[in-house]
Amino acid sequence: MGCIEGDVVSYCLGMRLKAGLVFVSDSRTNAGVDSVATFKKSYVFDGAEDRVIVILTAGNLAITQSVISLLEERLHGPDRSRSLYGVKSMYEVARLVGDTLREVHAIDGAHLKSHGADFIASLIVGGQIQGRRMRLFNVYAAGNFIEASDETPYFQIGETKYGKPIIERVITVDTSLEEATKCALVSFDSTIKSNISVAPPLDVTLVPADGCRASVRYRVADDDPYFQMVRRAWGEGLRKLFTQLPDPDWAGG
């Protein structure tokens, strides 16, 4: 069953800010406590001069790898409507990813069901095509999707609950790429501390607005000095703040 279900827990985060796009994903796969491995869940498509597209994946690893493989195979194919480099807008990119996910479901969905496994997959799709605005989408297992807004400029997929509070309190569409990256690392630290199925290395991709190129593609290892400093300082800061909060006057008995 573990080999069928694959990686059903991970954490991926995408943000669409005025300054650009931020993408972070973990790389742990888990098919049980005795079957843990490392696989990439972040994919950057920048082989065309006029665009950059980033896809983060969560869910059944076999499903999401099939989706990515089909998208990669069709990049330079004759049918431009099925190529991430051929479609004319980020909306069409999201539709193409959704359609490809439905294609994989048509092939594998019934087989998974017959083995008692659900079709679990979700993807964050973002980027920019030259002359058009940056866009960020959350593509669901059914192939449908929603778009990030100025009011909610981020998406999380996978194990989302532990890392959400800091994002809700800090991130706005006006947040800088540097501040957003720092917030993302705190979010991942909270998730890693709470769920053993999420772990470094973390893949970070930053795409400044209107550049159509990723300015940063960085892998954060568990022993990365900056990440270790953030984890230590955040934990110490929370404990210090907690001790400074007054006790409730009604709890003293």
C-alpha atoms as a PDB file:
ATOM      1  CA  MET A   1       0.000   0.000   0.000  1.00  0.00           C
ATOM      2  CA  GLY A   2       2.857   2.418   0.800  1.00  0.00           C
ATOM      3  CA  CYS A   3       4.257   2.148  -2.703  1.00  0.00           C
ATOM      4  CA  ILE A   4       0.827   2.847  -4.156  1.00  0.00           C
ATOM      5  CA  GLU A   5       0.016   5.843  -2.026  1.00  0.00           C
ATOM      6  CA  GLY A   6       3.465   7.384  -2.217  1.00  0.00           C
ATOM      7  CA  ASP A   7       4.083  10.757  -0.643  1.00  0.00           C
ATOM      8  CA  VAL A   8       0.837  12.015   0.863  1.00  0.00           C
ATOM      9  CA  VAL A   9       2.403  14.563   3.228  1.00  0.00           C
ATOM     10  CA  SER A  10       4.668  17.439   2.282  1.00  0.00           C
ATOM     11  CA  TYR A  11       4.596  21.219   2.492  1.00  0.00           C
ATOM     12  CA  CYS A  12       4.824  23.699  -0.364  1.00  0.00           C
ATOM     13  CA  LEU A  13       4.288  27.456  -0.286  1.00  0.00           C
ATOM     14  CA  GLY A  14       3.893  30.017  -3.066  1.00  0.00           C
ATOM     15  CA  MET A  15       3.476  33.796  -2.732  1.00  0.00           C
ATOM     16  CA  ARG A  16       2.532  36.408  -5.342  1.00  0.00           C
ATOM     17  CA  LEU A  17       3.714  39.813  -4.178  1.00  0.00           C
ATOM     18  CA  LYS A  18       4.154  43.159  -5.906  1.00  0.00           C
ATOM     19  CA  ALA A  19       7.907  42.570  -5.755  1.00  0.00           C
ATOM     20  CA  GLY A  20       7.721  39.126  -7.326  1.00  0.00           C
ATOM     21  CA  LEU A  21       7.049  35.466  -6.629  1.00  0.00           C
ATOM     22  CA  VAL A  22       8.349  33.288  -3.798  1.00  0.00           C
ATOM     23  CA  PHE A  23       8.268  29.483  -3.938  1.00  0.00           C
ATOM     24  CA  VAL A  24       9.437  27.090  -1.216  1.00  0.00           C
ATOM     25  CA  SER A  25       9.013  23.322  -0.974  1.00  0.00           C
ATOM     26  CA  ASP A  26      10.334  20.589   1.262  1.00  0.00           C
ATOM     27  CA  SER A  27      11.773  17.416  -0.228  1.00  0.00           C
ATOM     28  CA  ARG A  28      10.809  14.592   2.107  1.00  0.00           C
ATOM     29  CA  THR A  29       8.622  11.749   0.896  1.00  0.00           C
ATOM     30  CA  ASN A  30       6.913   9.454   3.338  1.00  0.00           C
ATOM     31  CA  ALA A  31       5.245   6.099   2.807  1.00  0.00           C
ATOM     32  CA  GLY A  32       5.416   5.214   6.486  1.00  0.00           C
ATOM     33  CA  VAL A  33       7.936   5.806   9.242  1.00  0.00           C
ATOM     34  CA  ASP A  34      10.245   3.134   7.828  1.00  0.00           C
ATOM     35  CA  SER A  35      10.098   4.417   4.235  1.00  0.00           C
ATOM     36  CA  VAL A  36      11.408   7.976   4.000  1.00  0.00           C
ATOM     37  CA  ALA A  37      13.339   9.427   1.066  1.00  0.00           C
ATOM     38  CA  THR A  38      14.198  12.743  -0.591  1.00  0.00           C
ATOM     39  CA  PHE A  39      12.585  13.827  -3.872  1.00  0.00           C
ATOM     40  CA  LYS A  40      12.363  17.196  -5.574  1.00  0.00           C
ATOM     41  CA  LYS A  41       8.933  18.849  -5.509  1.00  0.00           C
ATOM     42  CA  SER A  42       9.882  22.163  -7.129  1.00  0.00           C
ATOM     43  CA  TYR A  43      10.213  22.510 -10.912  1.00  0.00           C
ATOM     44  CA  VAL A  44      11.353  25.618 -12.800  1.00  0.00           C
ATOM     45  CA  PHE A  45      10.580  25.984 -16.504  1.00  0.00           C
ATOM     46  CA  ASP A  46      12.662  28.822 -17.948  1.00  0.00           C
ATOM     47  CA  GLY A  47      13.832  27.433 -21.274  1.00  0.00           C
ATOM     48  CA  ALA A  48      11.890  30.048 -23.254  1.00  0.00           C
ATOM     49  CA  GLU A  49      13.149  33.634 -23.248  1.00  0.00           C
ATOM     50  CA  ASP A  50       9.734  35.195 -22.710  1.00  0.00           C
ATOM     51  CA  ARG A  51       8.593  33.371 -19.580  1.00  0.00           C
ATOM     52  CA  VAL A  52       9.336  31.649 -16.318  1.00  0.00           C
ATOM     53  CA  ILE A  53       6.992  29.060 -14.812  1.00  0.00           C
ATOM     54  CA  VAL A  54       7.380  27.365 -11.440  1.00  0.00           C
ATOM     55  CA  ILE A  55       5.402  24.325 -10.298  1.00  0.00           C
ATOM     56  CA  LEU A  56       5.343  22.915  -6.760  1.00  0.00           C
ATOM     57  CA  THR A  57       3.791  19.512  -6.124  1.00  0.00           C
ATOM     58  CA  ALA A  58       2.228  17.721  -3.163  1.00  0.00           C
ATOM     59  CA  GLY A  59       0.336  14.458  -2.798  1.00  0.00           C
ATOM     60  CA  ASN A  60       0.935  11.067  -4.352  1.00  0.00           C
ATOM     61  CA  LEU A  61       4.475  11.220  -5.727  1.00  0.00           C
ATOM     62  CA  ALA A  62       3.749   8.834  -8.611  1.00  0.00           C
ATOM     63  CA  ILE A  63       0.851  11.032  -9.768  1.00  0.00           C
ATOM     64  CA  THR A  64       2.702  14.345  -9.577  1.00  0.00           C
ATOM     65  CA  GLN A  65       5.818  12.921 -11.229  1.00  0.00           C
ATOM     66  CA  SER A  66       3.640  11.665 -14.106  1.00  0.00           C
ATOM     67  CA  VAL A  67       2.167  15.145 -14.538  1.00  0.00           C
ATOM     68  CA  ILE A  68       5.594  16.774 -14.584  1.00  0.00           C
ATOM     69  CA  SER A  69       6.977  14.146 -16.972  1.00  0.00           C
ATOM     70  CA  LEU A  70       4.173  14.744 -19.474  1.00  0.00           C
ATOM     71  CA  LEU A  71       4.641  18.505 -19.267  1.00  0.00           C
ATOM     72  CA  GLU A  72       8.396  18.131 -19.811  1.00  0.00           C
ATOM     73  CA  GLU A  73       7.983  15.740 -22.749  1.00  0.00           C
ATOM     74  CA  ARG A  74       5.662  18.189 -24.526  1.00  0.00           C
ATOM     75  CA  LEU A  75       7.716  21.350 -24.036  1.00  0.00           C
ATOM     76  CA  HIS A  76       9.108  21.267 -27.576  1.00  0.00           C
ATOM     77  CA  GLY A  77       6.426  19.165 -29.252  1.00  0.00           C
ATOM     78  CA  PRO A  78       4.496  20.152 -32.393  1.00  0.00           C
ATOM     79  CA  ASP A  79       1.274  20.923 -30.513  1.00  0.00           C
ATOM     80  CA  ARG A  80       2.010  24.289 -28.912  1.00  0.00           C
ATOM     81  CA  SER A  81      -1.314  24.279 -27.064  1.00  0.00           C
ATOM     82  CA  ARG A  82       0.049  21.392 -24.969  1.00  0.00           C
ATOM     83  CA  SER A  83       3.403  23.061 -24.242  1.00  0.00           C
ATOM     84  CA  LEU A  84       4.190  25.302 -21.282  1.00  0.00           C
ATOM     85  CA  TYR A  85       6.343  27.274 -23.715  1.00  0.00           C
ATOM     86  CA  GLY A  86       3.620  27.532 -26.341  1.00  0.00           C
ATOM     87  CA  VAL A  87       0.520  28.758 -24.521  1.00  0.00           C
ATOM     88  CA  LYS A  88      -0.037  32.497 -24.443  1.00  0.00           C
ATOM     89  CA  SER A  89      -1.000  33.296 -20.837  1.00  0.00           C
ATOM     90  CA  MET A  90      -0.489  32.059 -17.299  1.00  0.00           C
ATOM     91  CA  TYR A  91      -4.200  31.228 -17.192  1.00  0.00           C
ATOM     92  CA  GLU A  92      -3.614  28.847 -20.105  1.00  0.00           C
ATOM     93  CA  VAL A  93      -0.610  27.440 -18.223  1.00  0.00           C
ATOM     94  CA  ALA A  94      -2.848  26.645 -15.245  1.00  0.00           C
ATOM     95  CA  ARG A  95      -5.444  25.073 -17.538  1.00  0.00           C
ATOM     96  CA  LEU A  96      -2.752  22.971 -19.210  1.00  0.00           C
ATOM     97  CA  VAL A  97      -1.492  21.707 -15.846  1.00  0.00           C
ATOM     98  CA  GLY A  98      -5.055  20.922 -14.781  1.00  0.00           C
ATOM     99  CA  ASP A  99      -5.793  19.111 -18.038  1.00  0.00           C
ATOM    100  CA  THR A 100      -2.591  17.082 -17.673  1.00  0.00           C
ATOM    101  CA  LEU A 101      -3.588  16.118 -14.138  1.00  0.00           C
ATOM    102  CA  ARG A 102      -6.969  14.933 -15.467  1.00  0.00           C
ATOM    103  CA  GLU A 103      -5.144  12.938 -18.132  1.00  0.00           C
ATOM    104  CA  VAL A 104      -3.110  11.136 -15.468  1.00  0.00           C
ATOM    105  CA  HIS A 105      -6.311  10.514 -13.504  1.00  0.00           C
ATOM    106  CA  ALA A 106      -7.899   8.940 -16.570  1.00  0.00           C
ATOM    107  CA  ILE A 107      -4.951   6.553 -16.806  1.00  0.00           C
ATOM    108  CA  ASP A 108      -4.332   5.747 -13.141  1.00  0.00           C
ATOM    109  CA  GLY A 109      -7.443   6.759 -11.192  1.00  0.00           C
ATOM    110  CA  ALA A 110      -9.339   3.472 -11.497  1.00  0.00           C
ATOM    111  CA  HIS A 111      -6.228   1.414 -10.722  1.00  0.00           C
ATOM    112  CA  LEU A 112      -5.544   3.418  -7.576  1.00  0.00           C
ATOM    113  CA  LYS A 113      -9.156   3.041  -6.479  1.00  0.00           C
ATOM    114  CA  SER A 114      -9.043  -0.724  -6.987  1.00  0.00           C
ATOM    115  CA  HIS A 115      -6.103  -0.833  -4.558  1.00  0.00           C
ATOM    116  CA  GLY A 116      -7.908   1.301  -1.983  1.00  0.00           C
ATOM    117  CA  ALA A 117      -5.845   4.428  -2.682  1.00  0.00           C
ATOM    118  CA  ASP A 118      -7.205   7.907  -3.317  1.00  0.00           C
ATOM    119  CA  PHE A 119      -6.116  10.126  -6.195  1.00  0.00           C
ATOM    120  CA  ILE A 120      -4.286  12.739  -4.098  1.00  0.00           C
ATOM    121  CA  ALA A 121      -2.444  15.561  -5.846  1.00  0.00           C
ATOM    122  CA  SER A 122      -2.263  19.333  -5.690  1.00  0.00           C
ATOM    123  CA  LEU A 123       0.033  21.790  -7.396  1.00  0.00           C
ATOM    124  CA  ILE A 124       1.006  25.432  -7.037  1.00  0.00           C
ATOM    125  CA  VAL A 125       1.597  26.988 -10.466  1.00  0.00           C
ATOM    126  CA  GLY A 126       3.033  30.457 -10.849  1.00  0.00           C
ATOM    127  CA  GLY A 127       5.111  32.625 -13.112  1.00  0.00           C
ATOM    128  CA  GLN A 128       5.056  35.395 -15.650  1.00  0.00           C
ATOM    129  CA  ILE A 129       4.985  35.711 -19.417  1.00  0.00           C
ATOM    130  CA  GLN A 130       6.609  38.791 -20.918  1.00  0.00           C
ATOM    131  CA  GLY A 131       4.173  41.672 -21.281  1.00  0.00           C
ATOM    132  CA  ARG A 132       1.684  40.082 -18.896  1.00  0.00           C
ATOM    133  CA  ARG A 133       1.216  40.201 -15.134  1.00  0.00           C
ATOM    134  CA  MET A 134       2.517  37.697 -12.627  1.00  0.00           C
ATOM    135  CA  ARG A 135      -0.023  35.091 -11.600  1.00  0.00           C
ATOM    136  CA  LEU A 136      -0.234  32.296  -9.043  1.00  0.00           C
ATOM    137  CA  PHE A 137      -2.678  29.376  -9.062  1.00  0.00           C
ATOM    138  CA  ASN A 138      -3.594  26.450  -6.832  1.00  0.00           C
ATOM    139  CA  VAL A 139      -4.507  23.435  -8.991  1.00  0.00           C
ATOM    140  CA  TYR A 140      -6.621  20.780  -7.292  1.00  0.00           C
ATOM    141  CA  ALA A 141      -6.755  17.026  -7.903  1.00  0.00           C
ATOM    142  CA  ALA A 142      -9.826  17.451 -10.132  1.00  0.00           C
ATOM    143  CA  GLY A 143      -7.842  19.749 -12.438  1.00  0.00           C
ATOM    144  CA  ASN A 144      -9.753  22.886 -11.481  1.00  0.00           C
ATOM    145  CA  PHE A 145      -7.939  25.807  -9.911  1.00  0.00           C
ATOM    146  CA  ILE A 146      -8.164  29.144  -8.137  1.00  0.00           C
ATOM    147  CA  GLU A 147      -5.948  32.238  -8.347  1.00  0.00           C
ATOM    148  CA  ALA A 148      -4.180  34.183  -5.602  1.00  0.00           C
ATOM    149  CA  SER A 149      -5.434  37.717  -4.958  1.00  0.00           C
ATOM    150  CA  ASP A 150      -4.098  40.880  -3.343  1.00  0.00           C
ATOM    151  CA  GLU A 151      -6.151  39.998  -0.260  1.00  0.00           C
ATOM    152  CA  THR A 152      -4.779  36.426  -0.117  1.00  0.00           C
ATOM    153  CA  PRO A 153      -1.466  36.549  -2.004  1.00  0.00           C
ATOM    154  CA  TYR A 154      -0.291  33.039  -1.152  1.00  0.00           C
ATOM    155  CA  PHE A 155      -1.133  29.356  -1.427  1.00  0.00           C
ATOM    156  CA  GLN A 156      -0.081  26.400   0.718  1.00  0.00           C
ATOM    157  CA  ILE A 157      -0.436  22.757  -0.242  1.00  0.00           C
ATOM    158  CA  GLY A 158       0.301  19.589   1.685  1.00  0.00           C
ATOM    159  CA  GLU A 159       0.750  19.956   5.438  1.00  0.00           C
ATOM    160  CA  THR A 160      -0.449  23.545   5.780  1.00  0.00           C
ATOM    161  CA  LYS A 161      -1.842  24.109   9.267  1.00  0.00           C
ATOM    162  CA  TYR A 162       1.339  24.469  11.311  1.00  0.00           C
ATOM    163  CA  GLY A 163       2.965  27.054   9.060  1.00  0.00           C
ATOM    164  CA  LYS A 164      -0.127  29.146   8.361  1.00  0.00           C
ATOM    165  CA  PRO A 165      -0.320  31.443  11.438  1.00  0.00           C
ATOM    166  CA  ILE A 166       2.952  33.293  10.759  1.00  0.00           C
ATOM    167  CA  ILE A 167       2.024  33.818   7.113  1.00  0.00           C
ATOM    168  CA  GLU A 168      -1.413  35.153   8.056  1.00  0.00           C
ATOM    169  CA  ARG A 169       0.153  37.632  10.488  1.00  0.00           C
ATOM    170  CA  VAL A 170       3.056  38.814   8.332  1.00  0.00           C
ATOM    171  CA  ILE A 171       2.498  38.475   4.597  1.00  0.00           C
ATOM    172  CA  THR A 172       0.771  41.163   2.518  1.00  0.00           C
ATOM    173  CA  VAL A 173       1.055  41.878  -1.164  1.00  0.00           C
ATOM    174  CA  ASP A 174       3.508  44.691  -0.272  1.00  0.00           C
ATOM    175  CA  THR A 175       5.954  42.407   1.566  1.00  0.00           C
ATOM    176  CA  SER A 176       9.455  42.387   0.060  1.00  0.00           C
ATOM    177  CA  LEU A 177      10.972  39.235  -1.396  1.00  0.00           C
ATOM    178  CA  GLU A 178      13.558  39.152   1.387  1.00  0.00           C
ATOM    179  CA  GLU A 179      10.984  39.491   4.174  1.00  0.00           C
ATOM    180  CA  ALA A 180       8.722  36.938   2.491  1.00  0.00           C
ATOM    181  CA  THR A 181      11.594  34.450   2.238  1.00  0.00           C
ATOM    182  CA  LYS A 182      12.382  34.900   5.935  1.00  0.00           C
ATOM    183  CA  CYS A 183       8.697  34.415   6.801  1.00  0.00           C
ATOM    184  CA  ALA A 184       8.568  31.284   4.637  1.00  0.00           C
ATOM    185  CA  LEU A 185      11.522  29.759   6.482  1.00  0.00           C
ATOM    186  CA  VAL A 186       9.845  30.436   9.850  1.00  0.00           C
ATOM    187  CA  SER A 187       6.681  28.834   8.475  1.00  0.00           C
ATOM    188  CA  PHE A 188       8.627  25.760   7.421  1.00  0.00           C
ATOM    189  CA  ASP A 189      10.414  25.605  10.778  1.00  0.00           C
ATOM    190  CA  SER A 190       7.041  25.502  12.564  1.00  0.00           C
ATOM    191  CA  THR A 191       5.862  22.729  10.258  1.00  0.00           C
ATOM    192  CA  ILE A 192       9.054  20.698  10.572  1.00  0.00           C
ATOM    193  CA  LYS A 193       8.857  20.863  14.375  1.00  0.00           C
ATOM    194  CA  SER A 194       5.259  19.620  14.311  1.00  0.00           C
ATOM    195  CA  ASN A 195       5.311  16.962  11.582  1.00  0.00           C
ATOM    196  CA  ILE A 196       8.129  14.496  10.923  1.00  0.00           C
ATOM    197  CA  SER A 197       6.864  14.010   7.362  1.00  0.00           C
ATOM    198  CA  VAL A 198       8.151  17.486   6.422  1.00  0.00           C
ATOM    199  CA  ALA A 199      11.902  18.064   6.453  1.00  0.00           C
ATOM    200  CA  PRO A 200      14.825  19.766   4.699  1.00  0.00           C
ATOM    201  CA  PRO A 201      16.362  20.208   2.299  1.00  0.00           C
ATOM    202  CA  LEU A 202      14.074  23.061   1.239  1.00  0.00           C
ATOM    203  CA  ASP A 203      14.066  24.373  -2.329  1.00  0.00           C
ATOM    204  CA  VAL A 204      13.672  28.158  -2.579  1.00  0.00           C
ATOM    205  CA  THR A 205      12.952  29.952  -5.857  1.00  0.00           C
ATOM    206  CA  LEU A 206      12.565  33.736  -6.155  1.00  0.00           C
ATOM    207  CA  VAL A 207      11.217  35.409  -9.302  1.00  0.00           C
ATOM    208  CA  PRO A 208      11.398  39.238  -9.304  1.00  0.00           C
ATOM    209  CA  ALA A 209       8.529  41.021 -11.014  1.00  0.00           C
ATOM    210  CA  ASP A 210       8.849  41.614 -14.777  1.00  0.00           C
ATOM    211  CA  GLY A 211      12.187  39.817 -15.043  1.00  0.00           C
ATOM    212  CA  CYS A 212      10.812  36.523 -16.415  1.00  0.00           C
ATOM    213  CA  ARG A 213      13.744  34.780 -14.763  1.00  0.00           C
ATOM    214  CA  ALA A 214      14.420  33.206 -11.390  1.00  0.00           C
ATOM    215  CA  SER A 215      16.960  35.367  -9.569  1.00  0.00           C
ATOM    216  CA  VAL A 216      17.451  32.799  -6.789  1.00  0.00           C
ATOM    217  CA  ARG A 217      17.342  29.024  -6.872  1.00  0.00           C
ATOM    218  CA  TYR A 218      18.704  27.862  -3.556  1.00  0.00           C
ATOM    219  CA  ARG A 219      18.599  24.609  -1.613  1.00  0.00           C
ATOM    220  CA  VAL A 220      18.434  25.080   2.166  1.00  0.00           C
ATOM    221  CA  ALA A 221      20.043  22.122   3.931  1.00  0.00           C
ATOM    222  CA  ASP A 222      19.210  21.218   7.509  1.00  0.00           C
ATOM    223  CA  ASP A 223      22.595  22.612   8.621  1.00  0.00           C
ATOM    224  CA  ASP A 224      22.328  25.811   6.557  1.00  0.00           C
ATOM    225  CA  PRO A 225      23.762  28.580   8.819  1.00  0.00           C
ATOM    226  CA  TYR A 226      21.035  31.135   8.069  1.00  0.00           C
ATOM    227  CA  PHE A 227      18.235  28.605   8.511  1.00  0.00           C
ATOM    228  CA  GLN A 228      19.742  27.439  11.803  1.00  0.00           C
ATOM    229  CA  MET A 229      19.990  31.050  12.996  1.00  0.00           C
ATOM    230  CA  VAL A 230      16.357  31.745  12.059  1.00  0.00           C
ATOM    231  CA  ARG A 231      15.152  28.594  13.837  1.00  0.00           C
ATOM    232  CA  ARG A 232      17.141  29.390  16.989  1.00  0.00           C
ATOM    233  CA  ALA A 233      16.259  33.098  17.090  1.00  0.00           C
ATOM    234  CA  TRP A 234      12.570  32.475  16.404  1.00  0.00           C
ATOM    235  CA  GLY A 235      12.316  29.872  19.169  1.00  0.00           C
ATOM    236  CA  GLU A 236      14.170  32.038  21.684  1.00  0.00           C
ATOM    237  CA  GLY A 237      12.131  35.090  20.718  1.00  0.00           C
ATOM    238  CA  LEU A 238       8.835  33.267  21.201  1.00  0.00           C
ATOM    239  CA  ARG A 239       9.896  31.978  24.614  1.00  0.00           C
ATOM    240  CA  LYS A 240      11.018  35.469  25.690  1.00  0.00           C
ATOM    241  CA  LEU A 241       7.779  37.051  24.510  1.00  0.00           C
ATOM    242  CA  PHE A 242       5.759  34.344  26.258  1.00  0.00           C
ATOM    243  CA  THR A 243       7.426  35.044  29.602  1.00  0.00           C
ATOM    244  CA  GLN A 244       6.731  38.775  29.189  1.00  0.00           C
ATOM    245  CA  LEU A 245       3.003  38.280  28.720  1.00  0.00           C
ATOM    246  CA  PRO A 246       1.028  38.886  31.928  1.00  0.00           C
ATOM    247  CA  ASP A 247      -0.652  35.904  33.568  1.00  0.00           C
ATOM    248  CA  PRO A 248      -4.478  35.883  33.540  1.00  0.00           C
ATOM    249  CA  ASP A 249      -5.665  37.378  36.842  1.00  0.00           C
ATOM    250  CA  TRP A 250      -8.552  34.896  36.962  1.00  0.00           C
ATOM    251  CA  ALA A 251      -6.320  31.801  36.847  1.00  0.00           C
ATOM    252  CA  GLY A 252      -4.595  32.227  40.172  1.00  0.00           C
ATOM    253  CA  GLY A 253      -7.108  30.205  42.164  1.00  0.00           C
END
